[in-house]
Amino acid sequence: MKMDPATKQQILKNALLSLLIYALPVLLMFATFYFTGQKPWLNKTKPSTVGYKIRN
């Protein structure tokens, strides 16, 4: 069964738009790291103490 060219073009356009929307937050995060010079993966953080008793 042949697909109508207009339908094929619409499916392709929608697929590319969906990929852009899916990838946009990750791309923006990397752009922010690049322009601000932040490297959060180099910071050593303490483990979370939420829900644990802290001994003094």
C-alpha atoms as a PDB file:
ATOM      1  CA  MET A   1       0.000   0.000   0.000  1.00  0.00           C
ATOM      2  CA  LYS A   2       1.451   3.356  -1.031  1.00  0.00           C
ATOM      3  CA  MET A   3       1.438   6.267   1.357  1.00  0.00           C
ATOM      4  CA  ASP A   4       0.295   9.677   0.237  1.00  0.00           C
ATOM      5  CA  PRO A   5       3.310  12.041  -0.028  1.00  0.00           C
ATOM      6  CA  ALA A   6       1.573  14.686   2.082  1.00  0.00           C
ATOM      7  CA  THR A   7       0.932  12.152   4.856  1.00  0.00           C
ATOM      8  CA  LYS A   8       4.538  10.927   4.678  1.00  0.00           C
ATOM      9  CA  GLN A   9       5.831  14.494   4.943  1.00  0.00           C
ATOM     10  CA  GLN A  10       3.547  15.240   7.904  1.00  0.00           C
ATOM     11  CA  ILE A  11       4.698  12.103   9.753  1.00  0.00           C
ATOM     12  CA  LEU A  12       8.352  13.041   9.164  1.00  0.00           C
ATOM     13  CA  LYS A  13       7.770  16.625  10.320  1.00  0.00           C
ATOM     14  CA  ASN A  14       6.009  15.455  13.480  1.00  0.00           C
ATOM     15  CA  ALA A  15       8.740  12.896  14.240  1.00  0.00           C
ATOM     16  CA  LEU A  16      11.490  15.508  13.915  1.00  0.00           C
ATOM     17  CA  LEU A  17       9.566  17.955  16.077  1.00  0.00           C
ATOM     18  CA  SER A  18       9.067  15.269  18.729  1.00  0.00           C
ATOM     19  CA  LEU A  19      12.804  14.503  18.768  1.00  0.00           C
ATOM     20  CA  LEU A  20      13.613  18.199  19.153  1.00  0.00           C
ATOM     21  CA  ILE A  21      11.176  18.592  22.057  1.00  0.00           C
ATOM     22  CA  TYR A  22      12.580  15.452  23.691  1.00  0.00           C
ATOM     23  CA  ALA A  23      16.232  16.548  23.341  1.00  0.00           C
ATOM     24  CA  LEU A  24      15.775  20.253  24.101  1.00  0.00           C
ATOM     25  CA  PRO A  25      16.166  20.079  27.924  1.00  0.00           C
ATOM     26  CA  VAL A  26      19.408  18.103  27.630  1.00  0.00           C
ATOM     27  CA  LEU A  27      20.784  20.476  24.992  1.00  0.00           C
ATOM     28  CA  LEU A  28      19.897  23.476  27.142  1.00  0.00           C
ATOM     29  CA  MET A  29      21.591  21.891  30.161  1.00  0.00           C
ATOM     30  CA  PHE A  30      24.835  21.328  28.237  1.00  0.00           C
ATOM     31  CA  ALA A  31      24.681  24.851  26.783  1.00  0.00           C
ATOM     32  CA  THR A  32      24.293  26.243  30.305  1.00  0.00           C
ATOM     33  CA  PHE A  33      27.314  24.267  31.513  1.00  0.00           C
ATOM     34  CA  TYR A  34      29.348  25.468  28.539  1.00  0.00           C
ATOM     35  CA  PHE A  35      28.519  29.171  28.861  1.00  0.00           C
ATOM     36  CA  THR A  36      28.695  29.360  32.674  1.00  0.00           C
ATOM     37  CA  GLY A  37      31.726  27.097  33.032  1.00  0.00           C
ATOM     38  CA  GLN A  38      29.983  24.982  35.670  1.00  0.00           C
ATOM     39  CA  LYS A  39      31.080  21.378  36.093  1.00  0.00           C
ATOM     40  CA  PRO A  40      28.728  19.857  38.681  1.00  0.00           C
ATOM     41  CA  TRP A  41      30.109  16.366  38.094  1.00  0.00           C
ATOM     42  CA  LEU A  42      33.378  17.497  39.718  1.00  0.00           C
ATOM     43  CA  ASN A  43      31.720  18.563  42.997  1.00  0.00           C
ATOM     44  CA  LYS A  44      31.855  16.069  45.820  1.00  0.00           C
ATOM     45  CA  THR A  45      28.549  16.148  47.651  1.00  0.00           C
ATOM     46  CA  LYS A  46      27.673  14.701  51.003  1.00  0.00           C
ATOM     47  CA  PRO A  47      25.124  11.862  51.033  1.00  0.00           C
ATOM     48  CA  SER A  48      21.593  12.911  51.811  1.00  0.00           C
ATOM     49  CA  THR A  49      20.590  12.698  55.459  1.00  0.00           C
ATOM     50  CA  VAL A  50      16.865  12.995  54.859  1.00  0.00           C
ATOM     51  CA  GLY A  51      15.067  10.387  56.922  1.00  0.00           C
ATOM     52  CA  TYR A  52      18.134   9.437  58.985  1.00  0.00           C
ATOM     53  CA  LYS A  53      18.963  10.324  62.564  1.00  0.00           C
ATOM     54  CA  ILE A  54      22.104  12.432  62.848  1.00  0.00           C
ATOM     55  CA  ARG A  55      24.332  11.415  65.737  1.00  0.00           C
ATOM     56  CA  ASN A  56      26.194  14.165  67.564  1.00  0.00           C
END
